Amino acid sequence: MLAKIKGPLVIGNVISSGFVAFLISWFFAGGGIGDANSFAPEFFLILLMWAIGVLWIWKVFAKSKLENTSNFKIIINNLLIWGTIPIGFIFSYFFI
């Protein structure tokens, strides 16, 4: 039963975190709240860091079948994908 949930859980997490990463990077690249006249493309580095996290997760799960992966490993990897968004946010501040 749990093996059937693992695939949609990982794919749904990748899609939802990608959507949130895109919305956050688009918001900050567009100037945020107070500055509507500037465009800061360095905030799209959030998407780059997210993509690196997704590729890393894909590499981890490509080695073994998803059905054989422990629930703990799936939860940790899903949390790491969400963790790449703040890491990308911090990384993008180095270029401002």
N, C-alpha and C. Protein backbone atom coordinates (compact mmCIF):
# COMPACT_ATOMS: atom_id res chain seq x y z
N MET A 1 0.81 -1.19 0.00
CA MET A 1 0.00 0.00 0.00
C MET A 1 0.86 1.26 0.00
N LEU A 2 1.88 1.30 0.87
CA LEU A 2 2.73 2.48 0.93
C LEU A 2 3.57 2.64 -0.32
N ALA A 3 3.89 1.56 -1.00
CA ALA A 3 4.69 1.64 -2.21
C ALA A 3 3.97 2.40 -3.31
N LYS A 4 2.64 2.35 -3.30
CA LYS A 4 1.87 3.07 -4.31
C LYS A 4 1.84 4.57 -4.04
N ILE A 5 2.06 4.98 -2.81
CA ILE A 5 2.01 6.39 -2.44
C ILE A 5 3.35 7.09 -2.66
N LYS A 6 4.44 6.36 -2.66
CA LYS A 6 5.77 6.95 -2.71
C LYS A 6 6.01 7.74 -4.00
N GLY A 7 5.60 7.21 -5.13
CA GLY A 7 5.81 7.90 -6.41
C GLY A 7 5.07 9.22 -6.49
N PRO A 8 3.75 9.22 -6.27
CA PRO A 8 3.03 10.50 -6.30
C PRO A 8 3.49 11.48 -5.23
N LEU A 9 3.96 10.97 -4.09
CA LEU A 9 4.46 11.85 -3.04
C LEU A 9 5.71 12.61 -3.51
N VAL A 10 6.64 11.91 -4.11
CA VAL A 10 7.87 12.54 -4.57
C VAL A 10 7.59 13.48 -5.74
N ILE A 11 6.81 13.02 -6.71
CA ILE A 11 6.52 13.85 -7.88
C ILE A 11 5.69 15.07 -7.50
N GLY A 12 4.71 14.88 -6.63
CA GLY A 12 3.90 16.01 -6.18
C GLY A 12 4.72 17.01 -5.40
N ASN A 13 5.67 16.53 -4.62
CA ASN A 13 6.54 17.42 -3.87
C ASN A 13 7.46 18.21 -4.80
N VAL A 14 7.99 17.58 -5.82
CA VAL A 14 8.84 18.28 -6.78
C VAL A 14 8.04 19.35 -7.52
N ILE A 15 6.83 19.02 -7.93
CA ILE A 15 6.01 19.99 -8.67
C ILE A 15 5.60 21.15 -7.77
N SER A 16 5.16 20.84 -6.56
CA SER A 16 4.72 21.93 -5.67
C SER A 16 5.88 22.81 -5.22
N SER A 17 7.03 22.22 -4.92
CA SER A 17 8.17 23.05 -4.53
C SER A 17 8.70 23.85 -5.72
N GLY A 18 8.62 23.30 -6.92
CA GLY A 18 9.02 24.06 -8.11
C GLY A 18 8.10 25.24 -8.37
N PHE A 19 6.81 25.04 -8.15
CA PHE A 19 5.85 26.12 -8.32
C PHE A 19 6.11 27.23 -7.30
N VAL A 20 6.36 26.85 -6.06
CA VAL A 20 6.65 27.84 -5.02
C VAL A 20 7.97 28.55 -5.31
N ALA A 21 8.99 27.82 -5.75
CA ALA A 21 10.28 28.43 -6.08
C ALA A 21 10.12 29.42 -7.23
N PHE A 22 9.31 29.06 -8.22
CA PHE A 22 9.08 29.97 -9.34
C PHE A 22 8.35 31.24 -8.89
N LEU A 23 7.33 31.09 -8.05
CA LEU A 23 6.60 32.26 -7.57
C LEU A 23 7.48 33.16 -6.71
N ILE A 24 8.30 32.59 -5.85
CA ILE A 24 9.19 33.39 -5.01
C ILE A 24 10.21 34.13 -5.86
N SER A 25 10.84 33.44 -6.80
CA SER A 25 11.85 34.09 -7.63
C SER A 25 11.23 35.15 -8.53
N TRP A 26 10.04 34.89 -9.04
CA TRP A 26 9.37 35.88 -9.88
C TRP A 26 8.99 37.13 -9.08
N PHE A 27 8.53 36.95 -7.85
CA PHE A 27 8.16 38.06 -6.99
C PHE A 27 9.36 38.94 -6.69
N PHE A 28 10.47 38.34 -6.26
CA PHE A 28 11.64 39.13 -5.90
C PHE A 28 12.36 39.68 -7.12
N ALA A 29 12.31 39.00 -8.24
CA ALA A 29 12.95 39.52 -9.45
C ALA A 29 12.17 40.70 -10.00
N GLY A 30 10.87 40.73 -9.79
CA GLY A 30 10.05 41.83 -10.26
C GLY A 30 10.15 43.08 -9.43
N GLY A 31 10.91 43.07 -8.37
CA GLY A 31 11.10 44.26 -7.58
C GLY A 31 10.48 44.18 -6.20
N GLY A 32 9.83 43.11 -5.89
CA GLY A 32 9.25 42.97 -4.56
C GLY A 32 8.09 43.91 -4.33
N ILE A 33 7.97 44.38 -3.12
CA ILE A 33 6.81 45.19 -2.74
C ILE A 33 7.02 46.66 -3.07
N GLY A 34 8.16 47.22 -2.70
CA GLY A 34 8.32 48.66 -2.77
C GLY A 34 8.89 49.21 -4.07
N ASP A 35 9.59 48.40 -4.83
CA ASP A 35 10.30 48.92 -5.99
C ASP A 35 9.77 48.26 -7.26
N ALA A 36 8.86 48.93 -7.94
CA ALA A 36 8.24 48.34 -9.13
C ALA A 36 8.96 48.70 -10.42
N ASN A 37 9.97 49.57 -10.36
CA ASN A 37 10.64 50.03 -11.58
C ASN A 37 11.90 49.25 -11.91
N SER A 38 12.31 48.34 -11.06
CA SER A 38 13.54 47.61 -11.32
C SER A 38 13.26 46.12 -11.51
N PHE A 39 14.18 45.47 -12.18
CA PHE A 39 14.09 44.03 -12.41
C PHE A 39 15.42 43.43 -11.97
N ALA A 40 15.38 42.46 -11.10
CA ALA A 40 16.59 41.85 -10.55
C ALA A 40 16.66 40.38 -10.95
N PRO A 41 17.29 40.09 -12.09
CA PRO A 41 17.32 38.69 -12.56
C PRO A 41 18.15 37.76 -11.70
N GLU A 42 18.95 38.30 -10.77
CA GLU A 42 19.76 37.41 -9.94
C GLU A 42 18.90 36.55 -9.02
N PHE A 43 17.65 36.93 -8.80
CA PHE A 43 16.78 36.11 -7.97
C PHE A 43 16.32 34.84 -8.68
N PHE A 44 16.56 34.74 -9.98
CA PHE A 44 16.26 33.50 -10.67
C PHE A 44 17.29 32.41 -10.34
N LEU A 45 18.33 32.78 -9.57
CA LEU A 45 19.26 31.76 -9.07
C LEU A 45 18.57 30.82 -8.09
N ILE A 46 17.44 31.26 -7.53
CA ILE A 46 16.64 30.38 -6.68
C ILE A 46 16.19 29.17 -7.49
N LEU A 47 15.77 29.41 -8.72
CA LEU A 47 15.36 28.30 -9.59
C LEU A 47 16.53 27.39 -9.95
N LEU A 48 17.70 27.99 -10.12
CA LEU A 48 18.88 27.19 -10.43
C LEU A 48 19.23 26.27 -9.26
N MET A 49 19.20 26.80 -8.05
CA MET A 49 19.49 25.98 -6.88
C MET A 49 18.43 24.90 -6.69
N TRP A 50 17.17 25.24 -6.96
CA TRP A 50 16.10 24.25 -6.86
C TRP A 50 16.32 23.14 -7.89
N ALA A 51 16.72 23.51 -9.11
CA ALA A 51 16.95 22.52 -10.16
C ALA A 51 18.12 21.60 -9.80
N ILE A 52 19.14 22.14 -9.17
CA ILE A 52 20.26 21.31 -8.73
C ILE A 52 19.78 20.32 -7.68
N GLY A 53 18.92 20.77 -6.77
CA GLY A 53 18.35 19.88 -5.77
C GLY A 53 17.51 18.78 -6.38
N VAL A 54 16.72 19.13 -7.39
CA VAL A 54 15.88 18.12 -8.07
C VAL A 54 16.74 17.11 -8.81
N LEU A 55 17.79 17.58 -9.47
CA LEU A 55 18.68 16.64 -10.16
C LEU A 55 19.37 15.71 -9.17
N TRP A 56 19.72 16.23 -8.01
CA TRP A 56 20.34 15.40 -6.99
C TRP A 56 19.36 14.35 -6.50
N ILE A 57 18.12 14.73 -6.27
CA ILE A 57 17.08 13.79 -5.84
C ILE A 57 16.85 12.73 -6.92
N TRP A 58 16.82 13.17 -8.17
CA TRP A 58 16.62 12.23 -9.27
C TRP A 58 17.77 11.22 -9.33
N LYS A 59 19.00 11.69 -9.08
CA LYS A 59 20.15 10.80 -9.08
C LYS A 59 20.05 9.78 -7.94
N VAL A 60 19.60 10.24 -6.77
CA VAL A 60 19.48 9.34 -5.62
C VAL A 60 18.43 8.27 -5.90
N PHE A 61 17.29 8.67 -6.44
CA PHE A 61 16.21 7.70 -6.67
C PHE A 61 16.41 6.89 -7.94
N ALA A 62 17.30 7.31 -8.82
CA ALA A 62 17.56 6.53 -10.03
C ALA A 62 18.42 5.30 -9.73
N LYS A 63 19.19 5.37 -8.65
CA LYS A 63 20.04 4.24 -8.30
C LYS A 63 19.23 3.04 -7.80
N SER A 64 18.18 3.32 -7.06
CA SER A 64 17.36 2.22 -6.53
C SER A 64 15.90 2.52 -6.86
N LYS A 65 15.11 1.47 -6.85
CA LYS A 65 13.69 1.66 -7.13
C LYS A 65 13.04 2.43 -6.00
N LEU A 66 12.07 3.22 -6.35
CA LEU A 66 11.38 4.05 -5.36
C LEU A 66 10.61 3.20 -4.36
N GLU A 67 10.14 2.06 -4.80
CA GLU A 67 9.39 1.18 -3.91
C GLU A 67 10.28 0.61 -2.81
N ASN A 68 11.59 0.47 -3.10
CA ASN A 68 12.51 -0.11 -2.13
C ASN A 68 13.14 0.94 -1.21
N THR A 69 12.88 2.21 -1.46
CA THR A 69 13.45 3.27 -0.66
C THR A 69 12.66 3.42 0.64
N SER A 70 13.37 3.66 1.72
CA SER A 70 12.70 3.77 3.02
C SER A 70 11.91 5.08 3.09
N ASN A 71 10.90 5.09 3.94
CA ASN A 71 10.09 6.28 4.11
C ASN A 71 10.90 7.43 4.69
N PHE A 72 11.83 7.12 5.58
CA PHE A 72 12.68 8.14 6.17
C PHE A 72 13.52 8.85 5.11
N LYS A 73 14.08 8.08 4.19
CA LYS A 73 14.91 8.66 3.13
C LYS A 73 14.07 9.53 2.19
N ILE A 74 12.84 9.14 1.91
CA ILE A 74 11.96 9.93 1.06
C ILE A 74 11.61 11.25 1.75
N ILE A 75 11.31 11.19 3.05
CA ILE A 75 10.97 12.42 3.78
C ILE A 75 12.16 13.36 3.85
N ILE A 76 13.34 12.85 4.12
CA ILE A 76 14.54 13.69 4.19
C ILE A 76 14.83 14.32 2.84
N ASN A 77 14.73 13.56 1.78
CA ASN A 77 14.98 14.11 0.44
C ASN A 77 13.94 15.15 0.05
N ASN A 78 12.69 14.94 0.44
CA ASN A 78 11.66 15.94 0.16
C ASN A 78 11.93 17.22 0.94
N LEU A 79 12.37 17.10 2.18
CA LEU A 79 12.72 18.28 2.95
C LEU A 79 13.94 19.00 2.38
N LEU A 80 14.87 18.24 1.83
CA LEU A 80 16.04 18.86 1.20
C LEU A 80 15.66 19.64 -0.05
N ILE A 81 14.68 19.16 -0.79
CA ILE A 81 14.22 19.91 -1.96
C ILE A 81 13.65 21.25 -1.53
N TRP A 82 12.84 21.24 -0.47
CA TRP A 82 12.29 22.50 0.04
C TRP A 82 13.40 23.37 0.63
N GLY A 83 14.45 22.76 1.12
CA GLY A 83 15.57 23.53 1.68
C GLY A 83 16.42 24.22 0.63
N THR A 84 16.34 23.79 -0.61
CA THR A 84 17.12 24.45 -1.65
C THR A 84 16.56 25.83 -1.99
N ILE A 85 15.30 26.09 -1.67
CA ILE A 85 14.72 27.40 -1.95
C ILE A 85 15.37 28.48 -1.09
N PRO A 86 15.44 28.32 0.25
CA PRO A 86 16.14 29.35 1.03
C PRO A 86 17.64 29.42 0.73
N ILE A 87 18.25 28.28 0.38
CA ILE A 87 19.66 28.31 0.01
C ILE A 87 19.86 29.13 -1.26
N GLY A 88 18.98 28.97 -2.23
CA GLY A 88 19.04 29.78 -3.44
C GLY A 88 18.78 31.25 -3.16
N PHE A 89 17.90 31.52 -2.22
CA PHE A 89 17.61 32.90 -1.83
C PHE A 89 18.85 33.55 -1.22
N ILE A 90 19.53 32.84 -0.34
CA ILE A 90 20.76 33.36 0.28
C ILE A 90 21.85 33.51 -0.78
N PHE A 91 21.95 32.53 -1.67
CA PHE A 91 22.96 32.58 -2.73
C PHE A 91 22.73 33.76 -3.67
N SER A 92 21.48 34.10 -3.93
CA SER A 92 21.19 35.20 -4.85
C SER A 92 21.52 36.55 -4.25
N TYR A 93 21.55 36.65 -2.93
CA TYR A 93 21.93 37.91 -2.28
C TYR A 93 23.40 38.24 -2.47
N PHE A 94 24.22 37.27 -2.80
CA PHE A 94 25.64 37.55 -3.06
C PHE A 94 25.82 38.36 -4.34
N PHE A 95 24.85 38.37 -5.23
CA PHE A 95 24.97 39.06 -6.50
C PHE A 95 24.23 40.39 -6.56
N ILE A 96 23.64 40.79 -5.44
CA ILE A 96 22.92 42.07 -5.42
C ILE A 96 23.89 43.19 -5.15
